[in-house]
Amino acid sequence: MIYQSGVEWKPYSSVVLQHLAIGCPLRDRTSVIVNTLQVYSGSHGRAIVFCETKREADMLATSQAMTADAHVLHGDIPQDKREMVLKVCSEMSQIVLYIADY
C-alpha cells in the first residue's frame, strides 16, 4: 500500500487485464508475439504490445504474420493519425496496439 498525502492508495488494474513478459531470441520475436496474442487474446481480444523502439513497433505492426488489425503509436506518427488510432481502438473488439517509448 502506498500512502500519499496521508491517504491510502492501492494500485489496481482490470480483473481481465493480464500482464505478460516473455523473453525470446530476436529472430523468433515476431512469431512468439503473434502466437502469444492468438493464445491469450483469441479472436475477440485486444492487446497492447510495448516495444523498445519505434522501428520495432513499425516492423511488428506490418509483419505478414500479424493476423489481427494492428496499429502503431509513437512520436513519429502525426497527431491526426494518433487520434484516429485511439478512436479505432475504442470501437473495435479485436485490435493489437504497438507502442514505442522512443
Protein backbone atom coordinates (compact mmCIF):
# COMPACT_ATOMS: atom_id res chain seq x y z
CA MET A 1 0.00 0.00 0.00
CA ILE A 2 1.21 3.45 -0.86
CA TYR A 3 0.39 6.48 1.21
CA GLN A 4 0.24 9.85 -0.47
CA SER A 5 -0.79 12.96 1.42
CA GLY A 6 -2.00 10.75 4.27
CA VAL A 7 -4.43 8.85 2.02
CA GLU A 8 -4.10 5.15 1.39
CA TRP A 9 -3.85 4.33 -2.32
CA LYS A 10 -3.93 0.80 -3.69
CA PRO A 11 -2.61 0.22 -7.20
CA TYR A 12 -5.03 -1.77 -9.30
CA SER A 13 -5.70 -2.99 -12.79
CA SER A 14 -8.67 -4.52 -14.51
CA VAL A 15 -9.51 -8.05 -13.42
CA VAL A 16 -9.48 -9.08 -17.08
CA LEU A 17 -6.11 -7.48 -17.77
CA GLN A 18 -3.16 -9.82 -17.92
CA HIS A 19 0.46 -8.63 -17.96
CA LEU A 20 3.00 -10.87 -19.68
CA ALA A 21 6.74 -10.56 -20.13
CA ILE A 22 8.23 -13.21 -22.37
CA GLY A 23 11.90 -13.49 -23.22
CA CYS A 24 12.89 -14.95 -26.59
CA PRO A 25 15.65 -14.68 -29.17
CA LEU A 26 15.32 -11.71 -31.54
CA ARG A 27 14.92 -13.96 -34.58
CA ASP A 28 11.82 -15.55 -33.01
CA ARG A 29 10.25 -12.41 -31.57
CA THR A 30 7.59 -11.79 -34.22
CA SER A 31 6.31 -15.35 -34.25
CA VAL A 32 6.34 -15.55 -30.44
CA ILE A 33 4.33 -12.32 -30.16
CA VAL A 34 1.82 -13.42 -32.82
CA ASN A 35 1.39 -16.83 -31.17
CA THR A 36 1.06 -15.31 -27.71
CA LEU A 37 -1.57 -12.86 -28.94
CA GLN A 38 -3.52 -15.71 -30.51
CA VAL A 39 -3.40 -17.81 -27.34
CA TYR A 40 -4.23 -15.06 -24.84
CA SER A 41 -6.39 -12.69 -26.92
CA GLY A 42 -8.05 -15.15 -29.24
CA SER A 43 -10.31 -13.77 -31.91
CA HIS A 44 -12.14 -11.32 -29.65
CA GLY A 45 -9.39 -9.73 -27.60
CA ARG A 46 -7.42 -6.55 -27.50
CA ALA A 47 -3.73 -6.31 -26.78
CA ILE A 48 -1.09 -3.66 -26.24
CA VAL A 49 2.50 -4.59 -27.04
CA PHE A 50 5.15 -2.26 -25.65
CA CYS A 51 8.27 -2.07 -27.82
CA GLU A 52 11.67 -0.59 -27.09
CA THR A 53 11.97 1.32 -30.38
CA LYS A 54 9.73 2.90 -32.99
CA ARG A 55 11.37 0.75 -35.64
CA GLU A 56 10.47 -2.43 -33.76
CA ALA A 57 6.85 -1.28 -33.33
CA ASP A 58 6.58 -0.48 -37.05
CA MET A 59 8.14 -3.81 -38.02
CA LEU A 60 5.80 -5.84 -35.82
CA ALA A 61 2.67 -4.00 -36.92
CA THR A 62 3.45 -4.50 -40.62
CA SER A 63 4.56 -8.12 -40.28
CA GLN A 64 2.93 -10.59 -42.67
CA ALA A 65 2.48 -12.93 -39.69
CA MET A 66 0.16 -10.45 -37.94
CA THR A 67 -3.42 -11.57 -38.49
CA ALA A 68 -5.21 -9.07 -36.24
CA ASP A 69 -5.83 -5.43 -37.07
CA ALA A 70 -2.64 -3.77 -35.83
CA HIS A 71 -1.82 -0.10 -35.27
CA VAL A 72 1.22 1.80 -34.05
CA LEU A 73 1.55 4.74 -31.65
CA HIS A 74 4.83 6.59 -31.25
CA GLY A 75 6.32 10.05 -31.66
CA ASP A 76 6.80 9.84 -35.44
CA ILE A 77 3.09 9.26 -36.05
CA PRO A 78 1.26 12.50 -36.92
CA GLN A 79 -1.26 13.71 -34.32
CA ASP A 80 -4.29 13.21 -36.57
CA LYS A 81 -3.26 9.57 -37.19
CA ARG A 82 -2.74 9.02 -33.43
CA GLU A 83 -6.23 10.34 -32.73
CA MET A 84 -7.65 8.06 -35.43
CA VAL A 85 -5.83 5.05 -33.93
CA LEU A 86 -7.20 5.80 -30.45
CA LYS A 87 -10.72 6.13 -31.88
CA VAL A 88 -10.39 2.83 -33.74
CA CYS A 89 -9.07 1.16 -30.56
CA SER A 90 -12.12 2.22 -28.60
CA GLU A 91 -14.54 0.99 -31.27
CA MET A 92 -13.08 -2.34 -32.33
CA SER A 93 -13.39 -5.63 -30.49
CA GLN A 94 -10.14 -7.09 -31.81
CA ILE A 95 -7.05 -4.96 -32.15
CA VAL A 96 -3.35 -5.02 -31.41
CA LEU A 97 -1.69 -1.73 -30.50
CA TYR A 98 2.09 -1.43 -30.67
CA ILE A 99 3.54 1.38 -28.57
CA ALA A 100 7.17 2.52 -28.53
CA ASP A 101 8.97 4.55 -25.87
CA TYR A 102 11.36 6.22 -28.30
